[in-house]
């Protein structure tokens, strides 16, 4: 991503860890999340989402095994309490406990001087314990700019913390928006390319929404996809909230052409990941907020770099 500092870290107070542990933890989670966890080794993490029975997203994040009967799932903090309550409803007789853990802090790190050397060039989702911290290689990591999540009680490096929302901008540029409280029950997984990026395991058994998601995938009926782009943004102006409308530039004000999944402001640019209808692209030029709003540049499916 152009304009990003080469080596920095950023605290991520908007991330929360949900711990699921007990002798039935792996089978319980395997039946709830979109990604299989029974075969997940301790040296790997995985992208995983949680859906309604109608196949709409309630959360997505990163899950990994911390022990034989213990998993950690990193999600947006503003959805964590609701997820815990919902998951507990389905525990029934399973030997599982589900708790929020506020002990470690989450950090986003990038650059060869900030990410530990053993992780340079490592595949996405590689997990390692280094220097007393838990490290997970992020999917937007590149050979020339390694990137990783760090779970630690102290900052992961001595270099300066990033300005504004650099980590989220990097994550969006890499094609990995997160579901927030205001976007729950709003998007199908395909709108975040989850059927393409490994978040959904089509070989695993049932989970909430599985039938709807699988039917759309195998019938080839996906009509909406994620697109990413940027536009100049006035310093100090907040990012667009999830669910904000996009419009065809110069089009009708009563006909939105897309919806923001997540956005971030970094160095005078608004970075936007949004859901659009494939039939509208590439003819449509997308404006934010109104038909005469700022136009997103280099915007559309396929503009997201490949992992």
C-alpha atoms as a PDB file:
ATOM      1  CA  UNK A   1       0.000   0.000   0.000  1.00  0.00           C
ATOM      2  CA  UNK A   2       1.500   3.321  -1.073  1.00  0.00           C
ATOM      3  CA  UNK A   3       2.186   5.888   1.624  1.00  0.00           C
ATOM      4  CA  UNK A   4       2.563   3.361   4.451  1.00  0.00           C
ATOM      5  CA  UNK A   5       5.584   3.786   6.740  1.00  0.00           C
ATOM      6  CA  UNK A   6       8.087   0.965   6.237  1.00  0.00           C
ATOM      7  CA  UNK A   7       8.390  -0.202   9.853  1.00  0.00           C
ATOM      8  CA  UNK A   8       5.781   0.516  12.510  1.00  0.00           C
ATOM      9  CA  UNK A   9       3.347  -1.012  14.934  1.00  0.00           C
ATOM     10  CA  UNK A  10      -0.129   0.000  16.006  1.00  0.00           C
ATOM     11  CA  UNK A  11      -2.117  -0.909  19.153  1.00  0.00           C
ATOM     12  CA  UNK A  12      -5.461  -2.503  18.319  1.00  0.00           C
ATOM     13  CA  UNK A  13      -7.805  -1.769  21.229  1.00  0.00           C
ATOM     14  CA  UNK A  14     -10.754  -2.644  19.011  1.00  0.00           C
ATOM     15  CA  UNK A  15      -9.698  -6.316  19.012  1.00  0.00           C
ATOM     16  CA  UNK A  16     -10.846  -8.787  21.666  1.00  0.00           C
ATOM     17  CA  UNK A  17      -9.952 -12.396  22.439  1.00  0.00           C
ATOM     18  CA  UNK A  18     -12.620 -15.005  23.107  1.00  0.00           C
ATOM     19  CA  UNK A  19     -11.276 -18.142  24.770  1.00  0.00           C
ATOM     20  CA  UNK A  20     -13.083 -21.435  24.236  1.00  0.00           C
ATOM     21  CA  UNK A  21     -11.749 -24.337  26.253  1.00  0.00           C
ATOM     22  CA  UNK A  22     -12.745 -27.787  27.465  1.00  0.00           C
ATOM     23  CA  UNK A  23     -12.606 -31.357  26.225  1.00  0.00           C
ATOM     24  CA  UNK A  24     -15.323 -30.633  23.636  1.00  0.00           C
ATOM     25  CA  UNK A  25     -13.930 -27.266  22.499  1.00  0.00           C
ATOM     26  CA  UNK A  26     -12.731 -28.435  19.079  1.00  0.00           C
ATOM     27  CA  UNK A  27     -15.929 -30.250  18.093  1.00  0.00           C
ATOM     28  CA  UNK A  28     -18.083 -27.432  19.482  1.00  0.00           C
ATOM     29  CA  UNK A  29     -16.298 -24.753  17.464  1.00  0.00           C
ATOM     30  CA  UNK A  30     -16.156 -26.992  14.411  1.00  0.00           C
ATOM     31  CA  UNK A  31     -19.939 -26.986  14.400  1.00  0.00           C
ATOM     32  CA  UNK A  32     -20.251 -23.215  14.858  1.00  0.00           C
ATOM     33  CA  UNK A  33     -17.611 -21.521  12.693  1.00  0.00           C
ATOM     34  CA  UNK A  34     -17.098 -21.467   8.932  1.00  0.00           C
ATOM     35  CA  UNK A  35     -13.538 -22.792   9.148  1.00  0.00           C
ATOM     36  CA  UNK A  36     -12.702 -26.278  10.398  1.00  0.00           C
ATOM     37  CA  UNK A  37     -10.818 -26.316  13.689  1.00  0.00           C
ATOM     38  CA  UNK A  38     -10.511 -30.013  14.589  1.00  0.00           C
ATOM     39  CA  UNK A  39      -7.381 -30.358  12.459  1.00  0.00           C
ATOM     40  CA  UNK A  40      -5.894 -26.950  13.281  1.00  0.00           C
ATOM     41  CA  UNK A  41      -2.341 -27.348  14.544  1.00  0.00           C
ATOM     42  CA  UNK A  42      -0.729 -25.171  17.194  1.00  0.00           C
ATOM     43  CA  UNK A  43       1.628 -23.626  14.605  1.00  0.00           C
ATOM     44  CA  UNK A  44      -1.213 -22.209  12.506  1.00  0.00           C
ATOM     45  CA  UNK A  45      -4.074 -19.769  12.834  1.00  0.00           C
ATOM     46  CA  UNK A  46      -7.050 -19.519  10.470  1.00  0.00           C
ATOM     47  CA  UNK A  47      -9.650 -16.990   9.340  1.00  0.00           C
ATOM     48  CA  UNK A  48     -13.062 -17.924  10.718  1.00  0.00           C
ATOM     49  CA  UNK A  49     -16.528 -16.380  10.644  1.00  0.00           C
ATOM     50  CA  UNK A  50     -19.796 -16.899  12.492  1.00  0.00           C
ATOM     51  CA  UNK A  51     -23.136 -16.591  10.710  1.00  0.00           C
ATOM     52  CA  UNK A  52     -26.853 -16.528  11.341  1.00  0.00           C
ATOM     53  CA  UNK A  53     -28.932 -19.500  10.134  1.00  0.00           C
ATOM     54  CA  UNK A  54     -29.752 -17.315   7.119  1.00  0.00           C
ATOM     55  CA  UNK A  55     -26.062 -17.136   6.247  1.00  0.00           C
ATOM     56  CA  UNK A  56     -25.441 -13.511   7.223  1.00  0.00           C
ATOM     57  CA  UNK A  57     -22.300 -12.522   9.077  1.00  0.00           C
ATOM     58  CA  UNK A  58     -22.284 -11.871  12.807  1.00  0.00           C
ATOM     59  CA  UNK A  59     -18.503 -11.815  13.159  1.00  0.00           C
ATOM     60  CA  UNK A  60     -15.209 -12.732  11.539  1.00  0.00           C
ATOM     61  CA  UNK A  61     -11.695 -12.904  12.861  1.00  0.00           C
ATOM     62  CA  UNK A  62      -8.685 -15.111  13.502  1.00  0.00           C
ATOM     63  CA  UNK A  63      -8.739 -18.384  15.457  1.00  0.00           C
ATOM     64  CA  UNK A  64      -5.865 -20.499  16.739  1.00  0.00           C
ATOM     65  CA  UNK A  65      -5.220 -23.386  19.111  1.00  0.00           C
ATOM     66  CA  UNK A  66      -3.441 -22.462  22.340  1.00  0.00           C
ATOM     67  CA  UNK A  67      -3.541 -25.996  23.811  1.00  0.00           C
ATOM     68  CA  UNK A  68      -5.035 -29.432  23.291  1.00  0.00           C
ATOM     69  CA  UNK A  69      -8.463 -28.288  24.486  1.00  0.00           C
ATOM     70  CA  UNK A  70      -8.108 -24.520  24.223  1.00  0.00           C
ATOM     71  CA  UNK A  71      -8.740 -22.034  21.393  1.00  0.00           C
ATOM     72  CA  UNK A  72      -8.477 -18.245  21.088  1.00  0.00           C
ATOM     73  CA  UNK A  73     -10.653 -16.335  18.610  1.00  0.00           C
ATOM     74  CA  UNK A  74      -9.775 -12.681  17.896  1.00  0.00           C
ATOM     75  CA  UNK A  75     -12.786 -10.596  16.831  1.00  0.00           C
ATOM     76  CA  UNK A  76     -13.953  -7.000  16.881  1.00  0.00           C
ATOM     77  CA  UNK A  77     -14.359  -5.925  20.503  1.00  0.00           C
ATOM     78  CA  UNK A  78     -17.797  -4.421  19.993  1.00  0.00           C
ATOM     79  CA  UNK A  79     -19.252  -7.818  18.982  1.00  0.00           C
ATOM     80  CA  UNK A  80     -17.427  -9.994  21.525  1.00  0.00           C
ATOM     81  CA  UNK A  81     -19.922  -9.928  24.414  1.00  0.00           C
ATOM     82  CA  UNK A  82     -22.856 -10.689  22.115  1.00  0.00           C
ATOM     83  CA  UNK A  83     -20.951 -13.567  20.504  1.00  0.00           C
ATOM     84  CA  UNK A  84     -20.169 -15.072  23.884  1.00  0.00           C
ATOM     85  CA  UNK A  85     -23.820 -14.946  24.912  1.00  0.00           C
ATOM     86  CA  UNK A  86     -24.918 -16.488  21.610  1.00  0.00           C
ATOM     87  CA  UNK A  87     -22.305 -19.256  21.647  1.00  0.00           C
ATOM     88  CA  UNK A  88     -23.198 -20.172  25.225  1.00  0.00           C
ATOM     89  CA  UNK A  89     -26.782 -20.791  24.088  1.00  0.00           C
ATOM     90  CA  UNK A  90     -25.537 -23.738  22.023  1.00  0.00           C
ATOM     91  CA  UNK A  91     -23.188 -25.310  24.551  1.00  0.00           C
ATOM     92  CA  UNK A  92     -25.944 -27.524  26.019  1.00  0.00           C
ATOM     93  CA  UNK A  93     -24.137 -30.589  27.438  1.00  0.00           C
ATOM     94  CA  UNK A  94     -20.813 -29.944  25.724  1.00  0.00           C
ATOM     95  CA  UNK A  95     -17.862 -29.669  28.086  1.00  0.00           C
ATOM     96  CA  UNK A  96     -16.906 -26.154  27.061  1.00  0.00           C
ATOM     97  CA  UNK A  97     -16.364 -22.776  28.718  1.00  0.00           C
ATOM     98  CA  UNK A  98     -16.415 -19.504  26.778  1.00  0.00           C
ATOM     99  CA  UNK A  99     -14.821 -16.384  28.264  1.00  0.00           C
ATOM    100  CA  UNK A 100     -13.477 -12.975  27.254  1.00  0.00           C
ATOM    101  CA  UNK A 101      -9.749 -12.482  27.896  1.00  0.00           C
ATOM    102  CA  UNK A 102      -8.498  -8.917  28.349  1.00  0.00           C
ATOM    103  CA  UNK A 103      -5.012  -9.913  29.510  1.00  0.00           C
ATOM    104  CA  UNK A 104      -2.927  -9.606  26.321  1.00  0.00           C
ATOM    105  CA  UNK A 105      -3.043  -6.580  24.053  1.00  0.00           C
ATOM    106  CA  UNK A 106      -3.305  -6.903  20.279  1.00  0.00           C
ATOM    107  CA  UNK A 107      -0.907  -5.028  18.009  1.00  0.00           C
ATOM    108  CA  UNK A 108      -0.614  -4.767  14.246  1.00  0.00           C
ATOM    109  CA  UNK A 109       2.994  -4.742  13.046  1.00  0.00           C
ATOM    110  CA  UNK A 110       4.689  -4.425   9.676  1.00  0.00           C
ATOM    111  CA  UNK A 111       8.198  -4.056   8.322  1.00  0.00           C
ATOM    112  CA  UNK A 112      11.348  -6.161   8.529  1.00  0.00           C
ATOM    113  CA  UNK A 113      12.559  -4.324  11.624  1.00  0.00           C
ATOM    114  CA  UNK A 114       9.300  -4.820  13.546  1.00  0.00           C
ATOM    115  CA  UNK A 115       8.178  -8.336  12.589  1.00  0.00           C
ATOM    116  CA  UNK A 116      10.603 -10.996  13.957  1.00  0.00           C
ATOM    117  CA  UNK A 117      13.065 -12.380  11.407  1.00  0.00           C
ATOM    118  CA  UNK A 118      11.818 -16.012  11.667  1.00  0.00           C
ATOM    119  CA  UNK A 119       8.485 -14.821  10.259  1.00  0.00           C
ATOM    120  CA  UNK A 120       9.910 -13.030   7.218  1.00  0.00           C
ATOM    121  CA  UNK A 121       8.631 -14.903   4.186  1.00  0.00           C
ATOM    122  CA  UNK A 122       6.495 -17.242   6.297  1.00  0.00           C
ATOM    123  CA  UNK A 123       3.091 -18.190   4.845  1.00  0.00           C
ATOM    124  CA  UNK A 124       0.007 -16.314   5.976  1.00  0.00           C
ATOM    125  CA  UNK A 125      -1.541 -17.604   9.212  1.00  0.00           C
ATOM    126  CA  UNK A 126       1.760 -18.992  10.523  1.00  0.00           C
ATOM    127  CA  UNK A 127       1.714 -18.797  14.330  1.00  0.00           C
ATOM    128  CA  UNK A 128       4.768 -18.644  16.590  1.00  0.00           C
ATOM    129  CA  UNK A 129       5.712 -17.716  20.155  1.00  0.00           C
ATOM    130  CA  UNK A 130       8.698 -15.359  20.012  1.00  0.00           C
ATOM    131  CA  UNK A 131      10.099 -13.190  22.796  1.00  0.00           C
ATOM    132  CA  UNK A 132       7.208 -13.946  25.131  1.00  0.00           C
ATOM    133  CA  UNK A 133       4.602 -12.814  22.576  1.00  0.00           C
ATOM    134  CA  UNK A 134       2.186 -14.667  20.316  1.00  0.00           C
ATOM    135  CA  UNK A 135       2.701 -13.804  16.621  1.00  0.00           C
ATOM    136  CA  UNK A 136       0.416 -14.555  13.654  1.00  0.00           C
ATOM    137  CA  UNK A 137       1.501 -13.747  10.098  1.00  0.00           C
ATOM    138  CA  UNK A 138      -1.225 -11.599   8.537  1.00  0.00           C
ATOM    139  CA  UNK A 139      -2.654 -12.483   5.109  1.00  0.00           C
ATOM    140  CA  UNK A 140      -1.490  -9.144   3.678  1.00  0.00           C
ATOM    141  CA  UNK A 141       2.138  -9.934   4.574  1.00  0.00           C
ATOM    142  CA  UNK A 142       4.597  -9.640   1.680  1.00  0.00           C
ATOM    143  CA  UNK A 143       8.245 -10.545   1.262  1.00  0.00           C
ATOM    144  CA  UNK A 144       9.140  -6.874   0.937  1.00  0.00           C
ATOM    145  CA  UNK A 145       6.883  -5.884   3.850  1.00  0.00           C
ATOM    146  CA  UNK A 146       6.149  -8.630   6.391  1.00  0.00           C
ATOM    147  CA  UNK A 147       3.061  -8.016   8.523  1.00  0.00           C
ATOM    148  CA  UNK A 148       1.725  -9.766  11.591  1.00  0.00           C
ATOM    149  CA  UNK A 149      -0.568  -9.575  14.580  1.00  0.00           C
ATOM    150  CA  UNK A 150       1.193  -9.605  17.924  1.00  0.00           C
ATOM    151  CA  UNK A 151      -0.471 -10.568  21.211  1.00  0.00           C
ATOM    152  CA  UNK A 152       1.593  -9.220  24.072  1.00  0.00           C
ATOM    153  CA  UNK A 153       1.463  -7.235  27.297  1.00  0.00           C
ATOM    154  CA  UNK A 154       4.075  -4.796  25.986  1.00  0.00           C
ATOM    155  CA  UNK A 155       4.676  -3.055  22.640  1.00  0.00           C
ATOM    156  CA  UNK A 156       6.314  -5.409  20.124  1.00  0.00           C
ATOM    157  CA  UNK A 157       9.088  -3.038  19.027  1.00  0.00           C
ATOM    158  CA  UNK A 158      11.019   0.079  19.924  1.00  0.00           C
ATOM    159  CA  UNK A 159      10.063   1.926  16.729  1.00  0.00           C
ATOM    160  CA  UNK A 160       7.305   4.508  16.821  1.00  0.00           C
ATOM    161  CA  UNK A 161       3.621   3.730  16.861  1.00  0.00           C
ATOM    162  CA  UNK A 162       1.760   4.261  13.601  1.00  0.00           C
ATOM    163  CA  UNK A 163      -0.150   7.426  12.846  1.00  0.00           C
ATOM    164  CA  UNK A 164      -3.960   7.458  12.488  1.00  0.00           C
ATOM    165  CA  UNK A 165      -5.391   4.118  11.287  1.00  0.00           C
ATOM    166  CA  UNK A 166      -2.534   2.700   9.231  1.00  0.00           C
ATOM    167  CA  UNK A 167      -3.053  -0.966  10.197  1.00  0.00           C
ATOM    168  CA  UNK A 168      -6.733  -0.972   9.216  1.00  0.00           C
ATOM    169  CA  UNK A 169      -5.860   0.719   5.924  1.00  0.00           C
ATOM    170  CA  UNK A 170      -3.258  -1.975   5.277  1.00  0.00           C
ATOM    171  CA  UNK A 171      -5.742  -4.696   6.176  1.00  0.00           C
ATOM    172  CA  UNK A 172      -8.425  -3.274   3.875  1.00  0.00           C
ATOM    173  CA  UNK A 173      -5.939  -2.899   1.007  1.00  0.00           C
ATOM    174  CA  UNK A 174      -5.133  -6.580   1.493  1.00  0.00           C
ATOM    175  CA  UNK A 175      -8.799  -7.589   1.276  1.00  0.00           C
ATOM    176  CA  UNK A 176      -9.567  -8.323   4.943  1.00  0.00           C
ATOM    177  CA  UNK A 177     -12.334  -6.109   6.399  1.00  0.00           C
ATOM    178  CA  UNK A 178     -13.852  -7.075   9.749  1.00  0.00           C
ATOM    179  CA  UNK A 179     -17.477  -7.201  10.788  1.00  0.00           C
ATOM    180  CA  UNK A 180     -18.339  -4.621  13.449  1.00  0.00           C
ATOM    181  CA  UNK A 181     -21.428  -4.309  15.647  1.00  0.00           C
ATOM    182  CA  UNK A 182     -23.022  -1.898  13.177  1.00  0.00           C
ATOM    183  CA  UNK A 183     -22.523  -4.296  10.246  1.00  0.00           C
ATOM    184  CA  UNK A 184     -23.749  -7.500  11.886  1.00  0.00           C
ATOM    185  CA  UNK A 185     -26.447  -9.380   9.944  1.00  0.00           C
ATOM    186  CA  UNK A 186     -25.834  -7.081   6.958  1.00  0.00           C
ATOM    187  CA  UNK A 187     -23.520  -9.041   4.623  1.00  0.00           C
ATOM    188  CA  UNK A 188     -23.280 -12.530   3.194  1.00  0.00           C
ATOM    189  CA  UNK A 189     -19.801 -14.109   3.381  1.00  0.00           C
ATOM    190  CA  UNK A 190     -19.293 -13.857  -0.394  1.00  0.00           C
ATOM    191  CA  UNK A 191     -19.557 -10.068  -0.076  1.00  0.00           C
ATOM    192  CA  UNK A 192     -16.273 -10.263   1.851  1.00  0.00           C
ATOM    193  CA  UNK A 193     -14.812 -12.855  -0.567  1.00  0.00           C
ATOM    194  CA  UNK A 194     -14.828 -15.448   2.209  1.00  0.00           C
ATOM    195  CA  UNK A 195     -15.621 -18.214  -0.236  1.00  0.00           C
ATOM    196  CA  UNK A 196     -12.389 -17.337  -2.054  1.00  0.00           C
ATOM    197  CA  UNK A 197      -9.907 -16.447   0.709  1.00  0.00           C
ATOM    198  CA  UNK A 198     -10.077 -19.545   2.909  1.00  0.00           C
ATOM    199  CA  UNK A 199     -12.478 -18.299   5.575  1.00  0.00           C
ATOM    200  CA  UNK A 200     -15.060 -20.885   4.509  1.00  0.00           C
ATOM    201  CA  UNK A 201     -14.125 -24.561   4.472  1.00  0.00           C
ATOM    202  CA  UNK A 202     -16.497 -26.219   2.008  1.00  0.00           C
ATOM    203  CA  UNK A 203     -15.310 -29.696   2.996  1.00  0.00           C
ATOM    204  CA  UNK A 204     -16.346 -29.469   6.644  1.00  0.00           C
ATOM    205  CA  UNK A 205     -19.668 -30.372   8.190  1.00  0.00           C
ATOM    206  CA  UNK A 206     -22.600 -28.182   9.120  1.00  0.00           C
ATOM    207  CA  UNK A 207     -22.497 -24.808  10.852  1.00  0.00           C
ATOM    208  CA  UNK A 208     -25.085 -22.002  11.089  1.00  0.00           C
ATOM    209  CA  UNK A 209     -25.849 -20.721   7.587  1.00  0.00           C
ATOM    210  CA  UNK A 210     -23.918 -23.525   5.861  1.00  0.00           C
ATOM    211  CA  UNK A 211     -26.760 -24.579   3.575  1.00  0.00           C
ATOM    212  CA  UNK A 212     -27.349 -21.043   2.248  1.00  0.00           C
ATOM    213  CA  UNK A 213     -23.637 -20.382   1.757  1.00  0.00           C
ATOM    214  CA  UNK A 214     -22.935 -23.707   0.047  1.00  0.00           C
ATOM    215  CA  UNK A 215     -25.941 -23.398  -2.276  1.00  0.00           C
ATOM    216  CA  UNK A 216     -24.823 -19.988  -3.505  1.00  0.00           C
ATOM    217  CA  UNK A 217     -21.246 -21.194  -3.962  1.00  0.00           C
ATOM    218  CA  UNK A 218     -21.969 -24.369  -5.899  1.00  0.00           C
ATOM    219  CA  UNK A 219     -24.702 -22.863  -8.047  1.00  0.00           C
ATOM    220  CA  UNK A 220     -22.487 -19.949  -8.988  1.00  0.00           C
ATOM    221  CA  UNK A 221     -25.134 -17.408  -8.021  1.00  0.00           C
ATOM    222  CA  UNK A 222     -22.903 -14.911  -6.204  1.00  0.00           C
ATOM    223  CA  UNK A 223     -24.010 -11.468  -7.426  1.00  0.00           C
ATOM    224  CA  UNK A 224     -22.233  -9.208  -4.944  1.00  0.00           C
ATOM    225  CA  UNK A 225     -18.540  -8.996  -4.208  1.00  0.00           C
ATOM    226  CA  UNK A 226     -16.092  -6.897  -2.268  1.00  0.00           C
ATOM    227  CA  UNK A 227     -14.279  -3.999  -3.894  1.00  0.00           C
ATOM    228  CA  UNK A 228     -11.529  -1.756  -2.546  1.00  0.00           C
ATOM    229  CA  UNK A 229     -10.463   1.764  -3.404  1.00  0.00           C
ATOM    230  CA  UNK A 230      -9.330   5.108  -2.029  1.00  0.00           C
ATOM    231  CA  UNK A 231     -10.204   8.761  -2.323  1.00  0.00           C
ATOM    232  CA  UNK A 232      -8.590  11.953  -0.946  1.00  0.00           C
ATOM    233  CA  UNK A 233     -10.050  12.824   2.454  1.00  0.00           C
ATOM    234  CA  UNK A 234     -10.044  16.007   4.507  1.00  0.00           C
ATOM    235  CA  UNK A 235      -7.734  15.597   7.534  1.00  0.00           C
ATOM    236  CA  UNK A 236      -9.690  15.203  10.757  1.00  0.00           C
ATOM    237  CA  UNK A 237     -12.814  13.951   8.969  1.00  0.00           C
ATOM    238  CA  UNK A 238     -13.849  10.557  10.378  1.00  0.00           C
ATOM    239  CA  UNK A 239     -13.996   7.432   8.246  1.00  0.00           C
ATOM    240  CA  UNK A 240     -17.323   6.252   6.870  1.00  0.00           C
ATOM    241  CA  UNK A 241     -19.212   3.952   9.258  1.00  0.00           C
ATOM    242  CA  UNK A 242     -20.049   0.403   8.131  1.00  0.00           C
ATOM    243  CA  UNK A 243     -23.262   0.246   6.130  1.00  0.00           C
ATOM    244  CA  UNK A 244     -22.788   3.713   4.620  1.00  0.00           C
ATOM    245  CA  UNK A 245     -24.089   3.953   1.082  1.00  0.00           C
ATOM    246  CA  UNK A 246     -22.083   4.374  -2.098  1.00  0.00           C
ATOM    247  CA  UNK A 247     -23.680   5.918  -5.169  1.00  0.00           C
ATOM    248  CA  UNK A 248     -23.089   5.989  -8.888  1.00  0.00           C
ATOM    249  CA  UNK A 249     -21.264   9.271  -9.425  1.00  0.00           C
ATOM    250  CA  UNK A 250     -23.746  11.710 -10.918  1.00  0.00           C
ATOM    251  CA  UNK A 251     -26.580   9.186 -10.574  1.00  0.00           C
ATOM    252  CA  UNK A 252     -29.821   9.149  -8.634  1.00  0.00           C
ATOM    253  CA  UNK A 253     -29.729  10.034  -4.938  1.00  0.00           C
ATOM    254  CA  UNK A 254     -32.395   7.454  -4.097  1.00  0.00           C
ATOM    255  CA  UNK A 255     -30.514   4.531  -5.622  1.00  0.00           C
ATOM    256  CA  UNK A 256     -27.440   3.416  -3.634  1.00  0.00           C
ATOM    257  CA  UNK A 257     -24.948   1.385  -5.651  1.00  0.00           C
ATOM    258  CA  UNK A 258     -22.996  -0.216  -2.821  1.00  0.00           C
ATOM    259  CA  UNK A 259     -22.434  -0.420   0.938  1.00  0.00           C
ATOM    260  CA  UNK A 260     -19.341   0.183   3.001  1.00  0.00           C
ATOM    261  CA  UNK A 261     -18.097  -2.894   4.859  1.00  0.00           C
ATOM    262  CA  UNK A 262     -15.298  -1.049   6.649  1.00  0.00           C
ATOM    263  CA  UNK A 263     -13.226   2.067   6.019  1.00  0.00           C
ATOM    264  CA  UNK A 264     -10.191   3.814   7.473  1.00  0.00           C
ATOM    265  CA  UNK A 265      -8.347   7.115   7.084  1.00  0.00           C
ATOM    266  CA  UNK A 266      -4.585   7.145   6.600  1.00  0.00           C
ATOM    267  CA  UNK A 267      -2.378  10.011   5.414  1.00  0.00           C
ATOM    268  CA  UNK A 268      -5.105  11.998   3.726  1.00  0.00           C
ATOM    269  CA  UNK A 269      -6.791   9.053   2.024  1.00  0.00           C
ATOM    270  CA  UNK A 270     -10.042   7.291   2.814  1.00  0.00           C
ATOM    271  CA  UNK A 271      -9.599   3.548   2.291  1.00  0.00           C
ATOM    272  CA  UNK A 272     -12.873   1.742   1.581  1.00  0.00           C
ATOM    273  CA  UNK A 273     -13.840  -1.927   1.373  1.00  0.00           C
ATOM    274  CA  UNK A 274     -17.408  -2.155   0.130  1.00  0.00           C
ATOM    275  CA  UNK A 275     -20.017  -4.522  -1.248  1.00  0.00           C
ATOM    276  CA  UNK A 276     -20.999  -3.865  -4.859  1.00  0.00           C
ATOM    277  CA  UNK A 277     -23.173  -5.626  -7.416  1.00  0.00           C
ATOM    278  CA  UNK A 278     -21.027  -7.296 -10.071  1.00  0.00           C
ATOM    279  CA  UNK A 279     -23.363  -6.295 -12.891  1.00  0.00           C
ATOM    280  CA  UNK A 280     -22.679  -2.602 -12.159  1.00  0.00           C
ATOM    281  CA  UNK A 281     -18.915  -2.864 -12.556  1.00  0.00           C
ATOM    282  CA  UNK A 282     -16.784  -1.605 -14.301  1.00  0.00           C
ATOM    283  CA  UNK A 283     -19.138   0.928 -15.886  1.00  0.00           C
ATOM    284  CA  UNK A 284     -20.073   2.560 -12.572  1.00  0.00           C
ATOM    285  CA  UNK A 285     -17.867   5.150 -10.891  1.00  0.00           C
ATOM    286  CA  UNK A 286     -18.603   5.039  -7.156  1.00  0.00           C
ATOM    287  CA  UNK A 287     -19.034   8.121  -4.979  1.00  0.00           C
ATOM    288  CA  UNK A 288     -19.165   8.152  -1.184  1.00  0.00           C
ATOM    289  CA  UNK A 289     -22.090   9.620   0.744  1.00  0.00           C
ATOM    290  CA  UNK A 290     -24.019  11.026  -2.232  1.00  0.00           C
ATOM    291  CA  UNK A 291     -23.930  11.000  -6.047  1.00  0.00           C
ATOM    292  CA  UNK A 292     -21.804  14.144  -5.976  1.00  0.00           C
ATOM    293  CA  UNK A 293     -19.478  12.885  -3.235  1.00  0.00           C
ATOM    294  CA  UNK A 294     -15.806  12.015  -3.517  1.00  0.00           C
ATOM    295  CA  UNK A 295     -15.181   9.366  -6.175  1.00  0.00           C
ATOM    296  CA  UNK A 296     -13.287   6.200  -5.241  1.00  0.00           C
ATOM    297  CA  UNK A 297     -10.182   5.623  -7.343  1.00  0.00           C
ATOM    298  CA  UNK A 298      -8.910   2.250  -8.620  1.00  0.00           C
ATOM    299  CA  UNK A 299     -12.095   0.771  -7.191  1.00  0.00           C
ATOM    300  CA  UNK A 300     -13.590  -2.590  -8.009  1.00  0.00           C
ATOM    301  CA  UNK A 301     -13.295  -6.345  -7.528  1.00  0.00           C
ATOM    302  CA  UNK A 302      -9.900  -7.530  -8.614  1.00  0.00           C
ATOM    303  CA  UNK A 303      -8.268  -4.331  -7.336  1.00  0.00           C
ATOM    304  CA  UNK A 304      -7.430  -6.156  -4.122  1.00  0.00           C
ATOM    305  CA  UNK A 305      -3.909  -7.639  -4.280  1.00  0.00           C
ATOM    306  CA  UNK A 306      -3.724 -11.422  -4.422  1.00  0.00           C
ATOM    307  CA  UNK A 307      -2.473 -13.176  -1.290  1.00  0.00           C
END
